[in-house]
Structure formats: structure tokens, C-alpha cells
N, C-alpha and C. Protein backbone atom coordinates (compact mmCIF):
# COMPACT_ATOMS: atom_id res chain seq x y z
N MET A 1 0.85 -1.18 -0.01
CA MET A 1 -0.01 -0.02 0.05
C MET A 1 0.95 1.23 -0.01
N SER A 2 0.60 2.12 -0.83
CA SER A 2 1.37 3.31 -0.92
C SER A 2 1.02 4.32 0.19
N ALA A 3 1.82 5.34 0.43
CA ALA A 3 1.60 6.25 1.49
C ALA A 3 0.28 7.06 1.16
N LEU A 4 -0.01 7.30 -0.04
CA LEU A 4 -1.25 8.03 -0.44
C LEU A 4 -2.47 7.16 -0.08
N GLU A 5 -2.38 5.82 -0.37
CA GLU A 5 -3.47 4.91 -0.02
C GLU A 5 -3.73 4.89 1.53
N GLY A 6 -2.68 4.79 2.19
CA GLY A 6 -2.66 4.77 3.67
C GLY A 6 -3.38 5.98 4.28
N ARG A 7 -2.90 7.07 3.68
CA ARG A 7 -3.50 8.39 4.11
C ARG A 7 -4.96 8.44 3.81
N PHE A 8 -5.41 7.92 2.59
CA PHE A 8 -6.73 7.87 2.22
C PHE A 8 -7.51 7.11 3.24
N LYS A 9 -7.05 5.89 3.48
CA LYS A 9 -7.80 5.02 4.40
C LYS A 9 -7.93 5.52 5.77
N THR A 10 -6.90 6.22 6.26
CA THR A 10 -6.90 6.88 7.59
C THR A 10 -7.96 7.98 7.59
N LEU A 11 -7.93 8.79 6.58
CA LEU A 11 -8.98 9.92 6.51
C LEU A 11 -10.40 9.34 6.35
N ALA A 12 -10.58 8.39 5.60
CA ALA A 12 -11.88 7.76 5.46
C ALA A 12 -12.40 7.18 6.79
N ALA A 13 -11.39 6.49 7.53
CA ALA A 13 -11.92 6.02 8.88
C ALA A 13 -12.26 7.08 9.74
N LYS A 14 -11.48 8.20 9.82
CA LYS A 14 -11.79 9.38 10.66
C LYS A 14 -13.06 9.94 10.35
N ARG A 15 -13.39 9.96 9.01
CA ARG A 15 -14.69 10.60 8.51
C ARG A 15 -15.87 9.71 9.06
N ARG A 16 -15.76 8.40 9.01
CA ARG A 16 -16.79 7.58 9.46
C ARG A 16 -17.02 7.75 11.02
N GLU A 17 -15.88 7.87 11.75
CA GLU A 17 -15.96 8.12 13.14
C GLU A 17 -16.62 9.39 13.50
N LEU A 18 -16.28 10.43 12.78
CA LEU A 18 -16.91 11.79 12.96
C LEU A 18 -18.43 11.71 12.68
N ARG A 19 -18.78 11.02 11.51
CA ARG A 19 -20.20 10.86 11.25
C ARG A 19 -20.96 10.21 12.37
N ALA A 20 -20.41 9.15 12.85
CA ALA A 20 -20.99 8.42 13.96
C ALA A 20 -21.17 9.28 15.25
N LEU A 21 -20.13 10.04 15.49
CA LEU A 21 -20.18 11.02 16.68
C LEU A 21 -21.24 12.03 16.42
N LEU A 22 -21.37 12.57 15.26
CA LEU A 22 -22.39 13.58 15.04
C LEU A 22 -23.81 12.95 15.09
N ARG A 23 -23.96 11.72 14.67
CA ARG A 23 -25.26 11.02 14.90
C ARG A 23 -25.58 10.99 16.36
N ASP A 24 -24.65 10.58 17.20
CA ASP A 24 -24.85 10.50 18.69
C ASP A 24 -25.12 11.88 19.29
N ILE A 25 -24.49 12.96 18.83
CA ILE A 25 -24.72 14.24 19.29
C ILE A 25 -26.21 14.69 18.81
N ASP A 26 -26.56 14.40 17.66
CA ASP A 26 -27.90 14.76 17.15
C ASP A 26 -29.00 14.10 17.97
N ALA A 27 -28.76 12.78 18.33
CA ALA A 27 -29.69 12.04 19.10
C ALA A 27 -29.81 12.73 20.50
N GLU A 28 -28.80 13.13 21.09
CA GLU A 28 -28.92 13.87 22.39
C GLU A 28 -29.54 15.14 22.24
N LEU A 29 -29.26 15.93 21.22
CA LEU A 29 -29.91 17.18 21.03
C LEU A 29 -31.38 17.03 20.75
N LYS A 30 -31.74 15.98 20.02
CA LYS A 30 -33.10 15.75 19.76
C LYS A 30 -33.89 15.48 21.05
N ASP A 31 -33.31 14.93 22.01
CA ASP A 31 -33.90 14.69 23.31
C ASP A 31 -34.04 16.00 24.17
N ILE A 32 -33.04 16.79 23.97
CA ILE A 32 -33.00 18.07 24.92
C ILE A 32 -33.82 19.21 24.27
N VAL A 33 -33.91 19.32 23.00
CA VAL A 33 -34.50 20.54 22.38
C VAL A 33 -35.90 20.84 22.81
N PRO A 34 -36.83 19.78 22.84
CA PRO A 34 -38.17 20.12 23.32
C PRO A 34 -38.26 20.64 24.72
N GLN A 35 -37.46 20.05 25.58
CA GLN A 35 -37.39 20.57 26.99
C GLN A 35 -36.83 21.95 27.04
N LEU A 36 -35.82 22.18 26.29
CA LEU A 36 -35.16 23.54 26.28
C LEU A 36 -36.17 24.60 25.83
N ARG A 37 -36.91 24.28 24.78
CA ARG A 37 -37.91 25.21 24.28
C ARG A 37 -38.99 25.48 25.36
N HIS A 38 -39.32 24.42 26.13
CA HIS A 38 -40.44 24.57 27.10
C HIS A 38 -39.90 25.29 28.36
N GLU A 39 -38.66 25.07 28.73
CA GLU A 39 -38.26 25.69 30.04
C GLU A 39 -37.43 27.03 29.92
N THR A 40 -37.19 27.43 28.65
CA THR A 40 -36.43 28.70 28.52
C THR A 40 -37.26 29.61 27.51
N ASP A 41 -36.69 30.82 27.41
CA ASP A 41 -37.25 31.75 26.55
C ASP A 41 -36.62 31.83 25.09
N LEU A 42 -35.78 30.79 24.91
CA LEU A 42 -35.17 30.61 23.59
C LEU A 42 -36.06 30.31 22.51
N THR A 43 -35.81 31.01 21.34
CA THR A 43 -36.66 30.72 20.18
C THR A 43 -36.06 29.56 19.44
N GLN A 44 -36.88 28.93 18.56
CA GLN A 44 -36.30 27.86 17.67
C GLN A 44 -35.10 28.45 16.89
N GLU A 45 -35.22 29.61 16.37
CA GLU A 45 -34.10 30.19 15.68
C GLU A 45 -32.83 30.31 16.47
N GLN A 46 -33.00 30.71 17.72
CA GLN A 46 -31.80 30.88 18.62
C GLN A 46 -31.17 29.51 18.93
N ILE A 47 -32.07 28.54 19.16
CA ILE A 47 -31.56 27.16 19.47
C ILE A 47 -30.81 26.71 18.21
N ALA A 48 -31.47 26.81 17.04
CA ALA A 48 -30.76 26.30 15.81
C ALA A 48 -29.47 27.00 15.54
N ARG A 49 -29.37 28.28 15.71
CA ARG A 49 -28.08 29.04 15.54
C ARG A 49 -27.05 28.52 16.52
N ALA A 50 -27.41 28.38 17.72
CA ALA A 50 -26.42 27.96 18.76
C ALA A 50 -25.99 26.47 18.60
N ALA A 51 -26.78 25.64 17.94
CA ALA A 51 -26.43 24.25 17.80
C ALA A 51 -25.79 23.95 16.38
N GLY A 52 -25.98 24.99 15.49
CA GLY A 52 -25.58 24.77 14.17
C GLY A 52 -26.56 23.95 13.41
N LEU A 53 -27.82 24.02 13.71
CA LEU A 53 -28.82 23.29 13.08
C LEU A 53 -29.70 24.11 12.20
N ALA A 54 -30.49 23.49 11.32
CA ALA A 54 -31.48 24.21 10.50
C ALA A 54 -32.67 24.36 11.37
N VAL A 55 -33.39 25.48 11.16
CA VAL A 55 -34.57 25.81 11.92
C VAL A 55 -35.66 24.78 11.76
N PRO A 56 -35.86 24.18 10.50
CA PRO A 56 -36.91 23.14 10.40
C PRO A 56 -36.51 21.90 11.10
N THR A 57 -35.20 21.59 11.42
CA THR A 57 -34.92 20.54 12.26
C THR A 57 -35.27 20.72 13.60
N VAL A 58 -34.98 21.93 14.18
CA VAL A 58 -35.38 22.22 15.55
C VAL A 58 -36.92 22.29 15.68
N ARG A 59 -37.57 22.75 14.70
CA ARG A 59 -38.98 22.80 14.73
C ARG A 59 -39.57 21.32 14.82
N ALA A 60 -39.07 20.47 13.97
CA ALA A 60 -39.47 19.11 13.94
C ALA A 60 -39.22 18.39 15.32
N TRP A 61 -38.05 18.61 15.89
CA TRP A 61 -37.73 18.06 17.13
C TRP A 61 -38.55 18.62 18.23
N THR A 62 -38.92 19.92 18.15
CA THR A 62 -39.76 20.52 19.23
C THR A 62 -41.16 19.92 19.21
N PHE A 63 -41.66 19.58 18.07
CA PHE A 63 -42.99 19.09 17.92
C PHE A 63 -43.11 17.64 17.84
N GLY A 64 -41.92 17.01 17.96
CA GLY A 64 -41.93 15.53 18.04
C GLY A 64 -42.08 14.80 16.70
N ALA A 65 -41.65 15.55 15.67
CA ALA A 65 -41.83 14.83 14.41
C ALA A 65 -40.62 13.95 14.14
């Protein structure tokens, strides 16, 4: 295996790990967002901006879609 192939495989593995981590984070955020909306004065837009999410995603999570 060439150095370039090795580097490619390393980066591909890191990317898969990162995607798995982001899925885990999204699952936790999905659980927290409705409660956050209910217990704070934060708007869906503010939550989306702070979490780096799209407003429709926050809206769906807030209303249990």
C-alpha cells in the first residue's frame, strides 16, 4: 500500500468516526431541544443557531416529528 493509499484509508476512517459521533450528538440534542424550548425563553431560531442546526430540524424536534 502506498503512502497515499494509507493516508486515504486513515482519513476515510476518521470521517466515518466523525459521522457516528455527529449522529450521537444529534440524538442527544433531539432529546434536549423540546425541554429547552419549554423551560427557557429561547426561540427555535436561537436554538438552531447555537447548535448549528437548521430551523426546520429544531421545529420538527420541538413538535416531536
